[in-house]
Amino acid sequence: MLVYKVYYKNYELKKGELIGMLVERRHDLRGMKQVETGLRWAKSTFGSTMKDEKNIFVVPNELKVEGDTKWLTDKGVFTREELPGIANVVGQELMG
């Protein structure tokens, strides 16, 4: 399963701040490159909550999960506050 960790560039701290995660459904790529489709989705999802959506960037990652993942793809968008609970369920580090 492909996931995008979504970050916001913090120029003062010189690092990215994690703002959420997007779970990509493979059929949604529509011929676009992974980073391109993830960035478009991230800006449309989180852009209105950020001061400048141009400072949003994504890091795609293949997440290995066991069992039923339908609940992940059904929801698709997770905020930073939801990630610790998801990490416990899927057994994967998502917070950094």
Protein backbone atom coordinates (compact mmCIF):
# COMPACT_ATOMS: atom_id res chain seq x y z
CA MET A 1 0.00 0.00 0.00
CA LEU A 2 1.37 3.39 -0.97
CA VAL A 3 1.14 6.14 1.63
CA TYR A 4 2.22 9.76 1.50
CA LYS A 5 3.55 11.44 4.61
CA VAL A 6 2.59 15.08 4.19
CA TYR A 7 4.90 17.77 5.57
CA TYR A 8 4.97 21.55 5.75
CA LYS A 9 8.32 23.32 5.33
CA ASN A 10 9.24 25.16 8.50
CA TYR A 11 11.97 27.58 7.45
CA GLU A 12 12.63 28.76 11.01
CA LEU A 13 13.40 25.24 12.24
CA LYS A 14 14.89 24.23 8.87
CA LYS A 15 12.85 21.04 8.72
CA GLY A 16 9.49 19.67 7.70
CA GLU A 17 6.61 19.43 10.13
CA LEU A 18 4.43 16.35 9.72
CA ILE A 19 0.83 17.41 9.10
CA GLY A 20 -0.78 14.15 8.04
CA MET A 21 -0.82 11.04 5.88
CA LEU A 22 -2.66 10.09 2.72
CA VAL A 23 -3.36 6.48 1.76
CA GLU A 24 -3.22 6.14 -2.02
CA ARG A 25 -5.40 3.74 -3.87
CA ARG A 26 -3.44 2.34 -6.82
CA HIS A 27 -6.20 3.04 -9.35
CA ASP A 28 -6.16 6.72 -8.36
CA LEU A 29 -2.70 7.33 -9.84
CA ARG A 30 -4.22 7.86 -13.30
CA GLY A 31 -0.89 7.72 -15.11
CA MET A 32 0.71 10.42 -12.98
CA LYS A 33 3.99 10.05 -11.13
CA GLN A 34 3.64 9.12 -7.45
CA VAL A 35 5.02 12.38 -6.07
CA GLU A 36 2.96 14.47 -8.52
CA THR A 37 -0.37 12.85 -7.62
CA GLY A 38 0.47 12.81 -3.91
CA LEU A 39 1.42 16.48 -3.90
CA ARG A 40 -1.75 17.48 -5.74
CA TRP A 41 -3.86 15.49 -3.27
CA ALA A 42 -1.97 16.89 -0.26
CA LYS A 43 -2.42 20.49 -1.39
CA SER A 44 -6.13 20.01 -2.00
CA THR A 45 -6.57 18.25 1.36
CA PHE A 46 -4.34 20.26 3.69
CA GLY A 47 -3.73 23.47 1.70
CA SER A 48 -6.58 25.43 3.23
CA THR A 49 -5.20 24.87 6.74
CA MET A 50 -1.68 26.04 5.87
CA LYS A 51 -0.39 29.58 5.50
CA ASP A 52 1.16 28.81 2.10
CA GLU A 53 0.28 25.59 0.28
CA LYS A 54 3.46 25.95 -1.82
CA ASN A 55 5.38 24.85 1.28
CA ILE A 56 3.64 21.47 1.43
CA PHE A 57 5.67 18.47 0.33
CA VAL A 58 5.10 14.71 0.37
CA VAL A 59 7.25 11.66 0.97
CA PRO A 60 5.82 8.53 -0.67
CA ASN A 61 6.46 5.24 1.09
CA GLU A 62 5.34 1.67 0.55
CA LEU A 63 3.65 0.58 3.78
CA LYS A 64 3.56 -3.12 4.55
CA VAL A 65 0.47 -4.06 6.52
CA GLU A 66 -1.08 -7.40 7.32
CA GLY A 67 -4.75 -8.18 7.42
CA ASP A 68 -7.66 -6.06 6.29
CA THR A 69 -6.61 -2.61 5.08
CA LYS A 70 -9.99 -1.54 3.71
CA TRP A 71 -10.53 0.83 6.63
CA LEU A 72 -7.27 2.63 5.71
CA THR A 73 -8.19 3.11 2.07
CA ASP A 74 -11.82 3.96 2.88
CA LYS A 75 -10.76 6.88 5.08
CA GLY A 76 -7.71 7.79 2.99
CA VAL A 77 -6.75 10.97 4.90
CA PHE A 78 -5.29 11.00 8.40
CA THR A 79 -4.22 13.99 10.47
CA ARG A 80 -1.06 14.13 12.54
CA GLU A 81 -3.13 13.51 15.67
CA GLU A 82 -4.52 10.25 14.28
CA LEU A 83 -1.15 8.76 13.30
CA PRO A 84 -0.01 7.34 16.67
CA GLY A 85 -3.15 5.18 16.85
CA ILE A 86 -2.69 3.98 13.28
CA ALA A 87 0.98 3.16 13.91
CA ASN A 88 -0.07 0.89 16.78
CA VAL A 89 -2.62 -0.92 14.58
CA VAL A 90 -0.46 -1.49 11.50
CA GLY A 91 2.75 -2.05 13.44
CA GLN A 92 4.61 0.56 11.44
CA GLU A 93 6.38 3.76 12.51
CA LEU A 94 4.49 6.65 10.89
CA MET A 95 5.44 9.61 13.02
CA GLY A 96 8.80 10.63 11.60
